[in-house]
Structures are given as C-alpha cells and as structure tokens.
N, C-alpha and C. Protein backbone atom coordinates (compact mmCIF):
# COMPACT_ATOMS: atom_id res chain seq x y z
N UNK A 1 123.06 95.34 33.34
CA UNK A 1 122.05 94.81 34.42
C UNK A 1 122.49 94.07 35.48
N UNK A 2 123.91 94.70 36.16
CA UNK A 2 123.94 94.92 37.39
C UNK A 2 122.39 96.06 38.33
N UNK A 3 122.73 97.09 37.24
CA UNK A 3 121.96 97.28 38.41
C UNK A 3 120.89 96.86 38.40
N UNK A 4 119.64 96.29 38.03
CA UNK A 4 118.50 95.30 37.61
C UNK A 4 118.80 94.88 38.72
N UNK A 5 119.92 93.56 39.35
CA UNK A 5 119.54 92.86 40.35
C UNK A 5 119.30 93.28 41.21
N UNK A 6 120.22 94.77 41.00
CA UNK A 6 120.62 94.74 42.67
C UNK A 6 119.19 95.99 43.14
N UNK A 7 118.17 96.40 42.03
CA UNK A 7 116.78 96.90 41.74
C UNK A 7 116.11 95.88 42.00
N UNK A 8 116.15 94.59 41.24
CA UNK A 8 114.85 92.87 42.25
C UNK A 8 115.73 92.84 43.42
N UNK A 9 116.46 92.98 44.76
CA UNK A 9 116.11 92.25 45.54
C UNK A 9 115.94 93.47 46.72
N UNK A 10 116.09 94.40 46.08
CA UNK A 10 115.15 96.85 46.76
C UNK A 10 114.43 96.18 46.90
N UNK A 11 113.11 96.60 45.90
CA UNK A 11 112.47 95.65 45.80
C UNK A 11 111.82 94.86 46.95
N UNK A 12 112.34 93.55 46.64
CA UNK A 12 111.76 92.20 47.66
C UNK A 12 112.19 92.47 48.55
N UNK A 13 113.25 93.65 49.36
CA UNK A 13 112.57 93.98 50.72
C UNK A 13 111.80 95.17 50.83
N UNK A 14 112.16 95.29 49.47
CA UNK A 14 110.74 96.87 50.43
C UNK A 14 109.09 95.85 50.52
N UNK A 15 108.85 94.73 49.13
CA UNK A 15 107.94 93.69 49.96
C UNK A 15 108.08 92.94 50.71
N UNK A 16 108.83 92.18 51.34
CA UNK A 16 108.50 91.83 52.88
C UNK A 16 108.04 93.08 53.93
N UNK A 17 109.09 93.31 54.07
CA UNK A 17 108.82 95.18 54.87
C UNK A 17 106.75 95.26 54.73
N UNK A 18 106.45 96.02 53.14
CA UNK A 18 105.26 95.84 53.77
C UNK A 18 104.19 94.42 53.80
N UNK A 19 104.99 93.67 53.44
CA UNK A 19 104.69 92.47 54.34
C UNK A 19 103.60 92.26 55.82
N UNK A 20 105.22 92.16 56.21
CA UNK A 20 106.37 92.34 58.02
C UNK A 20 104.80 93.68 58.55
N UNK A 21 104.53 94.20 57.79
CA UNK A 21 103.93 95.23 58.97
C UNK A 21 101.61 95.00 59.11
N UNK A 22 101.71 94.60 57.89
CA UNK A 22 100.66 94.76 57.17
C UNK A 22 100.09 92.88 58.59
N UNK A 23 100.97 92.48 58.24
CA UNK A 23 101.10 91.51 58.89
C UNK A 23 100.96 91.59 60.94
N UNK A 24 101.64 92.47 61.60
CA UNK A 24 101.20 92.71 62.66
C UNK A 24 100.38 93.16 62.87
N UNK A 25 99.19 93.78 62.48
CA UNK A 25 98.04 93.72 61.95
C UNK A 25 97.25 93.25 62.76
N UNK A 26 97.63 91.65 62.15
CA UNK A 26 97.20 90.33 63.11
C UNK A 26 97.54 89.49 63.59
N UNK A 27 98.40 90.13 64.23
CA UNK A 27 99.02 90.22 66.38
C UNK A 27 97.82 90.36 67.02
N UNK A 28 97.18 89.29 68.30
CA UNK A 28 96.88 89.58 69.09
C UNK A 28 97.77 89.64 70.97
N UNK A 29 98.93 89.65 70.70
CA UNK A 29 100.13 89.39 71.42
C UNK A 29 101.08 90.69 71.94
N UNK A 30 101.65 91.00 72.32
CA UNK A 30 102.55 92.41 72.11
C UNK A 30 103.79 92.19 72.09
N UNK A 31 104.48 91.47 71.97
CA UNK A 31 105.79 90.38 72.13
C UNK A 31 105.94 90.26 70.65
N UNK A 32 105.11 89.06 69.63
CA UNK A 32 105.12 89.02 68.36
C UNK A 32 104.93 89.83 67.40
N UNK A 33 103.94 91.06 67.82
CA UNK A 33 103.95 92.33 67.58
C UNK A 33 105.13 93.40 67.45
N UNK A 34 105.40 93.03 68.25
CA UNK A 34 106.77 94.16 68.58
C UNK A 34 107.96 93.71 67.54
N UNK A 35 108.30 92.45 67.67
CA UNK A 35 108.74 91.63 66.87
C UNK A 35 109.02 92.54 65.46
N UNK A 36 107.50 91.90 65.12
CA UNK A 36 107.88 91.82 63.15
C UNK A 36 107.32 93.09 63.34
N UNK A 37 107.10 94.06 64.18
CA UNK A 37 107.38 96.26 63.64
C UNK A 37 109.30 96.27 64.20
N UNK A 38 109.83 95.81 64.70
CA UNK A 38 110.97 96.05 64.62
C UNK A 38 111.61 95.17 63.93
N UNK A 39 111.03 94.38 63.35
CA UNK A 39 111.44 93.17 61.41
C UNK A 39 111.01 94.27 60.16
N UNK A 40 110.04 94.92 60.62
CA UNK A 40 109.19 95.52 59.32
C UNK A 40 109.82 96.94 59.35
N UNK A 41 110.23 97.46 60.31
CA UNK A 41 111.12 98.53 60.28
C UNK A 41 112.32 98.82 59.67
N UNK A 42 113.11 97.59 59.61
CA UNK A 42 114.51 97.54 59.58
C UNK A 42 114.10 97.09 58.27
N UNK A 43 113.70 97.00 58.11
CA UNK A 43 113.47 96.59 55.66
C UNK A 43 112.93 97.16 55.33
N UNK A 44 112.43 98.40 55.78
CA UNK A 44 111.66 99.52 55.00
C UNK A 44 113.32 100.82 55.51
N UNK A 45 114.27 100.47 55.76
CA UNK A 45 115.63 101.09 56.80
C UNK A 45 116.32 100.62 55.16
N UNK A 46 116.55 99.04 55.07
CA UNK A 46 117.04 98.60 53.68
C UNK A 46 116.78 99.58 52.29
C-alpha cells in the first residue's frame, strides 16, 4: 500500500512538471518564462 502512495506523488509531480512546461509556452516576457522553466525542470528531476 505504501508503494501506491509514493507512485501517486510521483505522478502528481510529473503532471505538475508537464503543466509548467506547457505554461512556459504562454509566457510573453523572459523572467516568468525562466522561472517556470526552472520550476518545471526541478519537477522533472524529482
């Protein structure tokens, strides 16, 4: 049962990383784009 909980958190972080990556496409200025890109990269590392 514990492994299923861990898998759920990993999936949630993966989904968050994907959403942040898609959100970078909507950015018009460089600073928010870089912040979201760094955040999505950190989520993908996890």
